[in-house]
Protein backbone atom coordinates (compact mmCIF):
# COMPACT_ATOMS: atom_id res chain seq x y z
CA MET A 1 105.76 107.01 141.32
CA SER A 2 105.34 103.24 141.31
CA SER A 3 108.16 100.96 140.26
CA LEU A 4 106.33 100.07 137.04
CA ALA A 5 105.71 103.73 136.19
CA PHE A 6 109.35 104.53 136.94
CA ASP A 7 110.50 101.70 134.66
CA ALA A 8 108.20 102.89 131.86
CA HIS A 9 109.46 106.45 132.23
CA GLN A 10 113.08 105.27 132.15
CA SER A 11 112.37 103.26 128.99
CA ALA A 12 110.78 106.30 127.35
CA GLN A 13 113.80 108.39 128.28
CA SER A 14 116.06 105.80 126.62
CA ILE A 15 114.00 106.00 123.44
CA LEU A 16 114.04 109.80 123.49
CA ALA A 17 117.82 109.75 123.88
CA VAL A 18 118.22 108.08 120.47
CA GLN A 19 115.33 109.72 118.57
CA THR A 20 116.62 112.00 115.82
CA GLU A 21 115.48 115.55 115.20
CA TYR A 22 113.46 114.18 112.25
CA GLY A 23 111.58 111.69 114.43
CA ALA A 24 113.44 108.50 113.45
CA ILE A 25 114.14 106.09 116.33
CA PRO A 26 117.25 104.02 115.58
CA TRP A 27 118.45 101.07 117.65
CA TRP A 28 121.35 103.17 118.96
CA PRO A 29 122.51 106.76 118.32
CA GLY A 30 123.41 107.03 114.64
CA GLY A 31 122.57 103.36 114.08
CA GLN A 32 120.13 101.51 111.95
CA LEU A 33 116.43 101.15 112.48
CA ASP A 34 113.71 98.89 111.22
CA VAL A 35 110.09 99.91 110.84
CA TRP A 36 108.74 97.34 113.31
CA ASN A 37 110.93 98.49 116.21
CA HIS A 38 110.47 102.13 115.21
CA VAL A 39 106.67 101.83 115.50
CA GLU A 40 106.90 99.89 118.78
CA SER A 41 109.11 102.65 120.18
CA ALA A 42 106.74 105.37 118.97
CA MET A 43 103.80 103.60 120.63
CA ALA A 44 105.80 103.36 123.86
CA LEU A 45 106.46 107.09 123.74
CA ASP A 46 102.77 107.76 123.22
CA ALA A 47 101.79 105.44 126.09
CA CYS A 48 104.25 107.24 128.38
CA GLY A 49 102.85 110.68 127.61
CA PHE A 50 105.28 111.83 124.93
CA ALA A 51 102.64 112.39 122.24
CA ARG A 52 104.57 115.10 120.38
CA GLU A 53 107.63 112.88 120.04
CA ALA A 54 105.50 109.90 119.01
CA GLU A 55 103.79 112.02 116.36
CA ALA A 56 107.21 113.03 114.99
CA ALA A 57 108.08 109.33 114.71
CA TYR A 58 104.85 108.60 112.82
CA ARG A 59 105.41 111.57 110.48
CA TRP A 60 108.94 110.35 109.73
CA LEU A 61 107.55 106.90 108.95
CA ALA A 62 104.96 108.34 106.55
CA ALA A 63 107.64 110.44 104.85
CA ILE A 64 109.81 107.43 104.01
CA GLN A 65 106.99 105.08 102.99
CA ARG A 66 107.32 103.78 99.46
CA THR A 67 104.63 104.55 96.90
CA ASP A 68 103.55 100.88 96.98
CA GLY A 69 102.86 101.19 100.73
CA ALA A 70 105.88 99.20 101.93
CA TRP A 71 109.07 100.16 103.72
CA CYS A 72 112.59 98.85 103.34
CA ALA A 73 113.78 96.43 106.01
CA ALA A 74 116.46 98.75 107.45
CA TYR A 75 117.46 102.41 107.36
CA VAL A 76 120.40 104.49 108.56
CA ASP A 77 120.07 108.28 108.57
CA GLY A 78 116.81 107.96 106.63
CA ARG A 79 118.41 106.01 103.78
CA PRO A 80 117.59 102.36 103.08
CA THR A 81 120.41 99.96 103.91
CA ASP A 82 118.41 96.78 103.27
CA ALA A 83 116.06 96.99 100.30
CA THR A 84 114.12 93.88 101.36
CA LEU A 85 110.52 95.05 101.65
CA ASP A 86 108.64 95.19 104.93
CA ALA A 87 104.89 95.72 104.88
């Protein structure tokens, strides 16, 4: 495995270590998350071959999306902690 591939795999493992059983990817175990970083992490998982885990992240995102299409700026345990809207 090349150094770059090893680094990518290690990064994916770090993301998987914090991903919840529901698919959410917080900044740290039990911590907050924002939609932007959540999606970036899900894409990284997909790019590293963890399609099932990435799909869980996308499903979680769809489940918490507001009816107007936006998301809140921050969540902890699936509950909004910053009601500022993020498109």
